[in-house]
Amino acid sequence: MPLYAVNPFLSELKNVLMRRQVRAILSAAYTERITTHSPKRIRGCRIKTRIVLSFAITPTVFSKPCGGCWAKSIGGALNFRDDCTWTPLQLVATAILWAWSDEPTLGERFFASRRIAEHLYQPQREFAGSSQAFLKMLGRWTTTLVAVVQAALRKRMQEALAASWMVSGFIVFGVDGSRVEVPRTKSHEAVNGLARNKQGRKLKRNRRKKPCTAAHSKKANTPAMWLTLLWHVATGLPWAWRSGPTGSSEREHWSQMLGELPATALIAADAGFVGYEILRGVIDSGRHVLVRVGSNVRLLKKLGWAKESAGTVYLWPDRDAQKNDPPLVLRLVVALGGKHPVYLVTSVPPSRLSDAQMIAMYRRRWGIELFFRHLKQTFQRRKLRSQSADNARVELEWSLVGLWCLALYAQVELAGQEIEPAQLSIAGALRAFRRTLRDYLHPAQRKRSLAMLLRRAVRDCYQRQDKTSRDYPRKKRPDPPPGAPEIRTATAAQIRRAGALRSAA
């Protein structure tokens, strides 16, 4: 009979030795597993995530002012308080990860992005663990940090996508606005509700007659945010934006963003952006316009202000003519072939932009509507989740930055494979990024790396059929298309006034 079967002490000693032996075997097996994988594969997802973030934001971006991109003068490098657990780079990276996250609530998005950011940057002190503190920090610094990141992304676009930078010799931008829904809270009703006059009555900018029903009235009174976007046509990426409460002026937002455009840019806009003052401001700044006009616009011909050719028209309202403001010389082109004729005017002479190029350029402007669909449907920002109006602005700003970073990095990856930027699938790229974020602690799988997933994130090539004949309910009632502009021959009084202005000049 063995001694440990009789002596309790020897029996306990045997059990301790066996446990140590089991631990030694498990430790050796774990060490063997680690050594069979290279360090690069073990940290593959972590390194790739940090490379993606460094593509948009580098530490040098926050070390000095970069070319007037600061929203306000801070007199040197951008630094937080000494007792702050965040650095500018870490805060921006966490905000972008926060925007990419697919968690159902803002708090869960923060905890997921905070955990990934701590794993990527390994700070000396843990980040603040409260989502309220994170949103408060972002709310204070969003204006400055977003301006810095925008300047960095614009520079990346020009360097990495130089082959897709221009259209027909012009740097073309589209401009349009869209409404973003917000929760119906007291904060949003006070800030993002319809504007009111001194008597407390709501101001309605859209005076078109619409069906006055209880459902329509309830929807019209719902608070919402208005987003006006400048969109780069050749790459399909955003360039600048402004947001405000529902009922904000698109033209005012456009005027505010005009200084952020390149000096010789061409702006394509729909019929909602026609106006003498806004178009004159664009033309006087050295930029060009391509705008659709409708029946609410009156154009003149045979004014004699400039050398005229076929299609030369003038925009010169009576109110501006009485102020002795000069007429705007434009060129009218009618695009046929669709359901309704489209009337376009531009400030570019025919020697630099033909009629066919002009129509094709305006047709590509429609891509901004697809970007809004990506933001609202694919990126799930149709309705923001922030209960506070201030936090909603922060959520919208960083959602746009996150979508911009994602699409830009994916387009650069496709450009290396000689694939056009228009072929990028935003949904596929978003799935690739979120998969990488979920697997940030695991080794990168072969043929399933982020680069391989992005190369397969392209649009399908089959032709869609016409959907107008499909029998499904259509609740949306679109506005009627703009009609033909009113074109008049200049009167003798207008010709004399124009001659007097030209002589005085």
Foldseek 3Di string as FASTA:
>chain_A
DDPCVPDVVVVVVVVVVVVVVVVVVVVVVVVVVVVVDDPCQQQVLLVVLVVLLCLQDPPVLQQAPDDPLFPDDPPGGDADDPPAQDGLSLLLQLLLQLLLDPDPASLVSNVLSQVSSCVNPVGPDRHDNDSVVSLVVCLVCVRGSLSSSLVSLVVSCCVLVVVQQDALPAFEKEKDKDKAAEDQAPQQLVWQFADADPVGDGDDPDPDDDDDDPVVVVVNGGGIKMKMWIAGLRQRATRDIDMGHPPDQNLVRCVVCLVSDDQAHEYEYEQSNDDDVSQVVQVVSNYKYKYWHFAVAEWAPPLPLDDDDPQWIWRADPVNLVVLDAIQIWGWDWDDDDPAIIIMIMNDDCVSAPNVSSVVSNVSSCSVVVVVCCLCPLSVRSYDHDNHPSSSVSSVSSSSSSLNSQLSVLQSLQVVVVDRSVFAASNQSSVLSNVSSVQSSGGDDPCSHSSNSSNPRTDDDDDDDDPPPDDDDDPDDDDDDGHHYHYYYDDPVSSVSSVVSVVVD
